[in-house]
N, C-alpha and C. Protein backbone atom coordinates (compact mmCIF):
# COMPACT_ATOMS: atom_id res chain seq x y z
N MET A 1 5.71 24.77 -5.01
CA MET A 1 4.95 23.84 -4.22
C MET A 1 4.61 22.58 -5.02
N ALA A 2 4.19 22.78 -6.27
CA ALA A 2 3.85 21.63 -7.11
C ALA A 2 5.08 20.79 -7.40
N GLU A 3 6.24 21.44 -7.56
CA GLU A 3 7.48 20.71 -7.81
C GLU A 3 7.88 19.86 -6.61
N GLU A 4 7.65 20.39 -5.40
CA GLU A 4 7.96 19.62 -4.19
C GLU A 4 7.11 18.37 -4.12
N ILE A 5 5.82 18.51 -4.41
CA ILE A 5 4.92 17.36 -4.37
C ILE A 5 5.32 16.34 -5.43
N LYS A 6 5.69 16.82 -6.61
CA LYS A 6 6.11 15.93 -7.69
C LYS A 6 7.38 15.18 -7.33
N ASN A 7 8.34 15.87 -6.70
CA ASN A 7 9.58 15.22 -6.27
C ASN A 7 9.32 14.19 -5.19
N LYS A 8 8.43 14.52 -4.26
CA LYS A 8 8.12 13.59 -3.18
C LYS A 8 7.45 12.34 -3.72
N LYS A 9 6.54 12.49 -4.68
CA LYS A 9 5.87 11.34 -5.27
C LYS A 9 6.84 10.48 -6.07
N SER A 10 7.82 11.11 -6.70
CA SER A 10 8.77 10.33 -7.49
C SER A 10 9.73 9.54 -6.60
N GLN A 11 9.85 9.91 -5.32
CA GLN A 11 10.75 9.21 -4.41
C GLN A 11 10.04 8.14 -3.60
N THR A 12 8.71 8.11 -3.62
CA THR A 12 7.97 7.08 -2.89
C THR A 12 7.45 6.05 -3.87
N TYR A 13 7.38 4.83 -3.40
CA TYR A 13 6.90 3.72 -4.22
C TYR A 13 5.52 3.34 -3.70
N PHE A 14 4.46 3.76 -4.42
CA PHE A 14 3.12 3.51 -3.94
C PHE A 14 2.23 3.02 -5.07
N ALA A 15 1.14 2.40 -4.69
CA ALA A 15 0.11 1.97 -5.63
C ALA A 15 -1.24 2.14 -4.94
N LYS A 16 -2.24 2.50 -5.74
CA LYS A 16 -3.58 2.70 -5.22
C LYS A 16 -4.56 1.83 -6.00
N LEU A 17 -5.56 1.37 -5.31
CA LEU A 17 -6.67 0.66 -5.94
C LEU A 17 -7.94 1.34 -5.46
N ASN A 18 -8.59 2.07 -6.35
CA ASN A 18 -9.80 2.77 -6.00
C ASN A 18 -11.03 1.96 -6.42
N LYS A 19 -12.07 2.08 -5.64
CA LYS A 19 -13.35 1.42 -5.90
C LYS A 19 -13.22 -0.09 -6.03
N CYS A 20 -12.44 -0.68 -5.14
CA CYS A 20 -12.31 -2.14 -5.08
C CYS A 20 -13.67 -2.70 -4.66
N PRO A 21 -14.23 -3.66 -5.40
CA PRO A 21 -15.60 -4.12 -5.13
C PRO A 21 -15.70 -5.04 -3.91
N MET A 22 -15.30 -4.51 -2.77
CA MET A 22 -15.37 -5.25 -1.51
C MET A 22 -15.44 -4.23 -0.39
N SER A 23 -16.14 -4.54 0.67
CA SER A 23 -16.29 -3.55 1.73
C SER A 23 -14.98 -3.41 2.51
N ALA A 24 -14.77 -2.22 3.03
CA ALA A 24 -13.55 -1.94 3.79
C ALA A 24 -13.51 -2.79 5.06
N ARG A 25 -14.65 -3.07 5.60
CA ARG A 25 -14.72 -3.86 6.83
C ARG A 25 -14.19 -5.29 6.62
N LYS A 26 -14.40 -5.84 5.43
CA LYS A 26 -13.91 -7.19 5.12
C LYS A 26 -12.45 -7.17 4.68
N MET A 27 -11.99 -6.02 4.15
CA MET A 27 -10.63 -5.94 3.63
C MET A 27 -9.61 -5.66 4.74
N ARG A 28 -10.00 -4.94 5.78
CA ARG A 28 -9.03 -4.52 6.81
C ARG A 28 -8.36 -5.68 7.54
N PRO A 29 -9.06 -6.76 7.91
CA PRO A 29 -8.34 -7.88 8.57
C PRO A 29 -7.27 -8.51 7.69
N ILE A 30 -7.49 -8.54 6.38
CA ILE A 30 -6.49 -9.09 5.47
C ILE A 30 -5.30 -8.14 5.38
N ALA A 31 -5.59 -6.83 5.36
CA ALA A 31 -4.51 -5.84 5.32
C ALA A 31 -3.68 -5.90 6.59
N ASN A 32 -4.31 -6.18 7.72
CA ASN A 32 -3.57 -6.27 8.98
C ASN A 32 -2.59 -7.44 8.99
N LEU A 33 -2.88 -8.47 8.20
CA LEU A 33 -1.97 -9.63 8.14
C LEU A 33 -0.62 -9.26 7.55
N VAL A 34 -0.59 -8.35 6.57
CA VAL A 34 0.64 -8.09 5.84
C VAL A 34 1.27 -6.74 6.13
N ARG A 35 0.61 -5.89 6.88
CA ARG A 35 1.16 -4.55 7.16
C ARG A 35 2.48 -4.67 7.92
N GLY A 36 3.53 -4.03 7.39
CA GLY A 36 4.84 -4.04 8.03
C GLY A 36 5.71 -5.24 7.68
N LYS A 37 5.21 -6.19 6.94
CA LYS A 37 5.98 -7.39 6.59
C LYS A 37 6.84 -7.13 5.35
N SER A 38 7.86 -7.97 5.17
CA SER A 38 8.66 -7.89 3.96
C SER A 38 7.81 -8.38 2.79
N ILE A 39 8.19 -7.98 1.58
CA ILE A 39 7.33 -8.32 0.45
C ILE A 39 7.33 -9.82 0.16
N GLU A 40 8.41 -10.51 0.46
CA GLU A 40 8.43 -11.95 0.24
C GLU A 40 7.41 -12.64 1.16
N ASP A 41 7.41 -12.23 2.44
CA ASP A 41 6.45 -12.81 3.38
C ASP A 41 5.02 -12.43 3.00
N ALA A 42 4.83 -11.18 2.59
CA ALA A 42 3.49 -10.71 2.25
C ALA A 42 2.94 -11.46 1.03
N LEU A 43 3.80 -11.71 0.03
CA LEU A 43 3.34 -12.44 -1.14
C LEU A 43 2.90 -13.86 -0.78
N VAL A 44 3.66 -14.50 0.09
CA VAL A 44 3.30 -15.86 0.51
C VAL A 44 1.99 -15.85 1.31
N ILE A 45 1.85 -14.90 2.22
CA ILE A 45 0.64 -14.82 3.04
C ILE A 45 -0.58 -14.57 2.16
N LEU A 46 -0.46 -13.61 1.24
CA LEU A 46 -1.61 -13.27 0.40
C LEU A 46 -1.95 -14.39 -0.58
N LYS A 47 -0.95 -15.11 -1.06
CA LYS A 47 -1.20 -16.20 -2.01
C LYS A 47 -1.93 -17.36 -1.33
N THR A 48 -1.67 -17.58 -0.03
CA THR A 48 -2.25 -18.73 0.65
C THR A 48 -3.50 -18.38 1.46
N THR A 49 -3.85 -17.12 1.55
CA THR A 49 -5.04 -16.73 2.31
C THR A 49 -6.29 -16.97 1.45
N PRO A 50 -7.26 -17.74 1.96
CA PRO A 50 -8.43 -18.07 1.15
C PRO A 50 -9.56 -17.03 1.23
N LYS A 51 -9.22 -15.78 1.19
CA LYS A 51 -10.23 -14.70 1.23
C LYS A 51 -10.22 -13.99 -0.11
N LYS A 52 -11.36 -13.43 -0.48
CA LYS A 52 -11.48 -12.73 -1.76
C LYS A 52 -10.58 -11.49 -1.79
N GLY A 53 -10.47 -10.79 -0.68
CA GLY A 53 -9.68 -9.57 -0.62
C GLY A 53 -8.19 -9.82 -0.77
N ALA A 54 -7.73 -11.02 -0.48
CA ALA A 54 -6.31 -11.34 -0.60
C ALA A 54 -5.87 -11.27 -2.06
N ARG A 55 -6.76 -11.61 -2.99
CA ARG A 55 -6.41 -11.54 -4.41
C ARG A 55 -6.17 -10.10 -4.83
N PHE A 56 -7.03 -9.18 -4.36
CA PHE A 56 -6.86 -7.77 -4.72
C PHE A 56 -5.55 -7.22 -4.15
N LEU A 57 -5.25 -7.55 -2.89
CA LEU A 57 -4.01 -7.07 -2.28
C LEU A 57 -2.79 -7.69 -2.94
N TYR A 58 -2.88 -8.94 -3.35
CA TYR A 58 -1.77 -9.61 -4.03
C TYR A 58 -1.43 -8.90 -5.33
N LYS A 59 -2.47 -8.61 -6.13
CA LYS A 59 -2.25 -7.92 -7.40
C LYS A 59 -1.72 -6.51 -7.17
N LEU A 60 -2.24 -5.83 -6.16
CA LEU A 60 -1.77 -4.48 -5.86
C LEU A 60 -0.30 -4.50 -5.44
N LEU A 61 0.10 -5.51 -4.67
CA LEU A 61 1.50 -5.62 -4.26
C LEU A 61 2.40 -5.88 -5.47
N LEU A 62 1.95 -6.70 -6.41
CA LEU A 62 2.73 -6.94 -7.62
C LEU A 62 2.88 -5.65 -8.44
N HIS A 63 1.83 -4.86 -8.52
CA HIS A 63 1.92 -3.58 -9.22
C HIS A 63 2.89 -2.65 -8.52
N ASN A 64 2.86 -2.68 -7.19
CA ASN A 64 3.75 -1.82 -6.42
C ASN A 64 5.21 -2.23 -6.61
N ILE A 65 5.48 -3.50 -6.73
CA ILE A 65 6.84 -3.98 -6.98
C ILE A 65 7.31 -3.49 -8.35
N ASP A 66 6.42 -3.52 -9.34
CA ASP A 66 6.76 -2.98 -10.66
C ASP A 66 7.05 -1.49 -10.59
N ASN A 67 6.29 -0.76 -9.77
CA ASN A 67 6.55 0.66 -9.59
C ASN A 67 7.93 0.89 -9.00
N TYR A 68 8.34 0.02 -8.07
CA TYR A 68 9.68 0.14 -7.49
C TYR A 68 10.74 -0.07 -8.57
N LYS A 69 10.53 -1.06 -9.42
CA LYS A 69 11.50 -1.34 -10.48
C LYS A 69 11.66 -0.14 -11.41
N GLN A 70 10.55 0.55 -11.70
CA GLN A 70 10.60 1.69 -12.62
C GLN A 70 11.19 2.93 -11.97
N LYS A 71 10.84 3.19 -10.72
CA LYS A 71 11.23 4.44 -10.07
C LYS A 71 12.57 4.39 -9.36
N SER A 72 13.05 3.21 -9.01
CA SER A 72 14.24 3.08 -8.18
C SER A 72 15.47 3.67 -8.86
N LYS A 73 16.15 4.53 -8.12
CA LYS A 73 17.38 5.14 -8.63
C LYS A 73 18.61 4.48 -8.04
N SER A 74 18.41 3.64 -7.02
CA SER A 74 19.55 3.02 -6.36
C SER A 74 20.14 1.88 -7.19
N GLY A 75 19.35 1.28 -8.09
CA GLY A 75 19.85 0.21 -8.93
C GLY A 75 19.93 -1.13 -8.21
N LEU A 76 19.36 -1.21 -7.01
CA LEU A 76 19.37 -2.47 -6.26
C LEU A 76 18.29 -3.40 -6.77
N ARG A 77 18.59 -4.70 -6.73
CA ARG A 77 17.56 -5.67 -7.04
C ARG A 77 16.57 -5.72 -5.88
N ILE A 78 15.43 -6.31 -6.13
CA ILE A 78 14.38 -6.34 -5.11
C ILE A 78 14.85 -7.11 -3.87
N GLU A 79 15.56 -8.20 -4.07
CA GLU A 79 16.03 -9.00 -2.94
C GLU A 79 17.06 -8.23 -2.11
N GLU A 80 17.91 -7.46 -2.78
CA GLU A 80 18.95 -6.70 -2.08
C GLU A 80 18.38 -5.48 -1.36
N ALA A 81 17.31 -4.92 -1.88
CA ALA A 81 16.75 -3.70 -1.30
C ALA A 81 16.00 -3.96 -0.01
N GLN A 82 15.61 -5.19 0.27
CA GLN A 82 14.85 -5.56 1.46
C GLN A 82 13.59 -4.70 1.58
N LEU A 83 12.74 -4.80 0.57
CA LEU A 83 11.50 -4.03 0.55
C LEU A 83 10.51 -4.56 1.59
N TYR A 84 9.75 -3.64 2.16
CA TYR A 84 8.68 -4.02 3.08
C TYR A 84 7.50 -3.08 2.89
N ILE A 85 6.35 -3.48 3.38
CA ILE A 85 5.14 -2.67 3.25
C ILE A 85 5.15 -1.63 4.35
N LYS A 86 5.42 -0.39 3.98
CA LYS A 86 5.53 0.69 4.95
C LYS A 86 4.15 1.19 5.38
N THR A 87 3.28 1.43 4.41
CA THR A 87 1.94 1.95 4.69
C THR A 87 0.92 1.11 3.93
N LEU A 88 -0.16 0.76 4.60
CA LEU A 88 -1.26 0.06 3.96
C LEU A 88 -2.55 0.56 4.58
N MET A 89 -3.27 1.36 3.81
CA MET A 89 -4.51 1.95 4.32
C MET A 89 -5.70 1.43 3.51
N VAL A 90 -6.77 1.12 4.20
CA VAL A 90 -8.01 0.70 3.57
C VAL A 90 -9.09 1.66 4.03
N ASN A 91 -9.62 2.44 3.09
CA ASN A 91 -10.66 3.42 3.40
C ASN A 91 -11.94 3.05 2.66
N GLN A 92 -13.04 3.56 3.17
CA GLN A 92 -14.33 3.26 2.58
C GLN A 92 -14.51 4.04 1.27
N GLY A 93 -15.05 3.38 0.27
CA GLY A 93 -15.30 4.01 -1.02
C GLY A 93 -16.79 4.21 -1.22
N PRO A 94 -17.18 4.58 -2.42
CA PRO A 94 -18.60 4.80 -2.68
C PRO A 94 -19.38 3.48 -2.71
N ALA A 95 -20.66 3.58 -2.43
CA ALA A 95 -21.51 2.40 -2.42
C ALA A 95 -22.51 2.48 -3.56
N LEU A 96 -22.68 1.37 -4.27
CA LEU A 96 -23.73 1.29 -5.28
C LEU A 96 -25.04 1.00 -4.56
N LYS A 97 -26.06 1.76 -4.89
CA LYS A 97 -27.36 1.58 -4.23
C LYS A 97 -28.30 0.87 -5.19
N ARG A 98 -28.78 -0.27 -4.76
CA ARG A 98 -29.71 -1.08 -5.54
C ARG A 98 -30.94 -1.38 -4.68
N TYR A 99 -32.00 -1.81 -5.34
CA TYR A 99 -33.22 -2.14 -4.61
C TYR A 99 -33.69 -3.52 -5.02
N ARG A 100 -34.21 -4.24 -4.03
CA ARG A 100 -34.70 -5.58 -4.25
C ARG A 100 -36.21 -5.59 -3.99
N PRO A 101 -36.97 -6.21 -4.87
CA PRO A 101 -38.41 -6.25 -4.63
C PRO A 101 -38.73 -7.02 -3.35
N ALA A 102 -39.71 -6.50 -2.63
CA ALA A 102 -40.12 -7.13 -1.38
C ALA A 102 -41.65 -7.32 -1.41
N ALA A 103 -42.18 -7.82 -0.34
CA ALA A 103 -43.61 -8.14 -0.26
C ALA A 103 -44.48 -6.89 -0.40
N ARG A 104 -45.65 -7.07 -0.95
CA ARG A 104 -46.68 -6.03 -1.09
C ARG A 104 -46.21 -4.84 -1.94
N GLY A 105 -45.38 -5.12 -2.92
CA GLY A 105 -44.97 -4.07 -3.84
C GLY A 105 -43.95 -3.09 -3.29
N SER A 106 -43.36 -3.37 -2.15
CA SER A 106 -42.34 -2.47 -1.58
C SER A 106 -40.96 -2.90 -2.07
N ALA A 107 -39.95 -2.14 -1.67
CA ALA A 107 -38.58 -2.45 -2.09
C ALA A 107 -37.64 -2.29 -0.90
N HIS A 108 -36.69 -3.18 -0.82
CA HIS A 108 -35.67 -3.10 0.23
C HIS A 108 -34.36 -2.65 -0.40
N PRO A 109 -33.66 -1.70 0.24
CA PRO A 109 -32.40 -1.21 -0.34
C PRO A 109 -31.25 -2.21 -0.13
N ILE A 110 -30.37 -2.25 -1.10
CA ILE A 110 -29.14 -3.05 -1.02
C ILE A 110 -27.99 -2.10 -1.31
N ARG A 111 -26.98 -2.12 -0.44
CA ARG A 111 -25.79 -1.29 -0.64
C ARG A 111 -24.63 -2.20 -0.98
N LYS A 112 -24.06 -2.00 -2.16
CA LYS A 112 -22.88 -2.77 -2.55
C LYS A 112 -21.67 -1.89 -2.26
N GLU A 113 -20.98 -2.19 -1.17
CA GLU A 113 -19.89 -1.36 -0.68
C GLU A 113 -18.62 -1.56 -1.50
N SER A 114 -17.78 -0.54 -1.50
CA SER A 114 -16.46 -0.62 -2.13
C SER A 114 -15.45 0.04 -1.20
N CYS A 115 -14.17 -0.10 -1.54
CA CYS A 115 -13.14 0.48 -0.69
C CYS A 115 -11.99 1.00 -1.55
N HIS A 116 -11.21 1.89 -0.96
CA HIS A 116 -10.01 2.41 -1.58
C HIS A 116 -8.81 1.85 -0.80
N ILE A 117 -7.79 1.36 -1.51
CA ILE A 117 -6.61 0.80 -0.86
C ILE A 117 -5.39 1.59 -1.31
N TYR A 118 -4.56 1.97 -0.36
CA TYR A 118 -3.31 2.69 -0.64
C TYR A 118 -2.18 1.90 -0.01
N MET A 119 -1.18 1.52 -0.83
CA MET A 119 -0.04 0.74 -0.35
C MET A 119 1.25 1.46 -0.72
N GLU A 120 2.14 1.56 0.25
CA GLU A 120 3.43 2.20 0.02
C GLU A 120 4.54 1.26 0.47
N LEU A 121 5.54 1.10 -0.39
CA LEU A 121 6.70 0.27 -0.07
C LEU A 121 7.87 1.14 0.34
N ALA A 122 8.77 0.58 1.10
CA ALA A 122 10.01 1.25 1.47
C ALA A 122 11.13 0.22 1.49
N SER A 123 12.34 0.71 1.32
CA SER A 123 13.52 -0.15 1.31
C SER A 123 14.30 0.05 2.60
N ARG A 124 14.58 -1.04 3.29
CA ARG A 124 15.35 -0.93 4.54
C ARG A 124 16.77 -0.47 4.26
N VAL A 125 17.33 -0.88 3.12
CA VAL A 125 18.70 -0.51 2.77
C VAL A 125 18.79 0.99 2.51
N GLU A 126 17.82 1.54 1.75
CA GLU A 126 17.82 2.98 1.47
C GLU A 126 17.60 3.79 2.74
N GLU A 127 16.73 3.31 3.63
CA GLU A 127 16.49 4.02 4.89
C GLU A 127 17.74 4.03 5.76
N MET A 128 18.46 2.89 5.78
CA MET A 128 19.67 2.83 6.59
C MET A 128 20.73 3.77 6.04
N SER A 129 20.87 3.82 4.72
CA SER A 129 21.86 4.73 4.15
C SER A 129 21.47 6.19 4.37
N ALA A 130 20.18 6.49 4.34
CA ALA A 130 19.72 7.86 4.62
C ALA A 130 19.99 8.22 6.08
N ASN A 131 19.78 7.27 6.99
CA ASN A 131 20.04 7.53 8.41
C ASN A 131 21.53 7.75 8.66
N ILE A 132 22.37 6.99 7.98
CA ILE A 132 23.82 7.15 8.14
C ILE A 132 24.25 8.52 7.64
N ASN A 133 23.72 8.94 6.49
CA ASN A 133 24.05 10.26 5.95
C ASN A 133 23.57 11.37 6.87
N ASN A 134 22.38 11.22 7.45
CA ASN A 134 21.86 12.23 8.37
C ASN A 134 22.69 12.32 9.64
N SER A 135 23.14 11.17 10.15
CA SER A 135 23.95 11.18 11.36
C SER A 135 25.31 11.82 11.10
N GLU A 136 25.89 11.63 9.89
CA GLU A 136 27.15 12.28 9.55
C GLU A 136 26.99 13.79 9.50
N VAL A 137 25.88 14.26 8.95
CA VAL A 137 25.63 15.69 8.86
C VAL A 137 25.43 16.28 10.26
N GLU A 138 24.68 15.55 11.11
CA GLU A 138 24.47 16.03 12.49
C GLU A 138 25.76 16.08 13.27
N SER A 139 26.61 15.06 13.11
CA SER A 139 27.87 15.04 13.85
C SER A 139 28.79 16.16 13.34
N PHE A 140 28.73 16.46 12.06
CA PHE A 140 29.53 17.55 11.51
C PHE A 140 29.04 18.89 12.05
N ASN A 141 27.71 19.04 12.17
CA ASN A 141 27.15 20.30 12.69
C ASN A 141 27.40 20.48 14.18
N ASN A 142 27.52 19.38 14.91
CA ASN A 142 27.69 19.44 16.36
C ASN A 142 29.14 19.71 16.78
N THR A 143 30.08 19.52 15.89
CA THR A 143 31.48 19.74 16.25
C THR A 143 31.75 21.23 16.37
N GLU A 144 32.48 21.58 17.43
CA GLU A 144 32.80 23.00 17.65
C GLU A 144 34.21 23.26 17.18
N VAL A 145 34.41 24.46 16.65
CA VAL A 145 35.73 24.82 16.11
C VAL A 145 36.45 25.71 17.10
């Protein structure tokens, strides 16, 4: 079981950013801009978006591209592989709880929210070759002797 999980992780190109110092509610609209886009388009969108969360996603995408370079067994360059953002999830992370002094010696709570981001890349070329191989196997199995 552990070997299966290890093999599956070695075949996927993903990057995670845990405890990103920004709330998930503010990060999700930026993630929606680039979900499903090619990495070239996503890099341009994130570079030109004037939001704080775009910087975090931009750096995470660059890390993910480096992961592809290290893990890729196909030997394709990034431009030839036609990489795109397959999965992009933004989940709520832990909140730092602080207190601010208020009138009459009381205190008001402040929650500094954070989020977890998970990004997975996929190659259109590798998916097409996998689909072609699967269709050949299915056609071979469907032939009657």
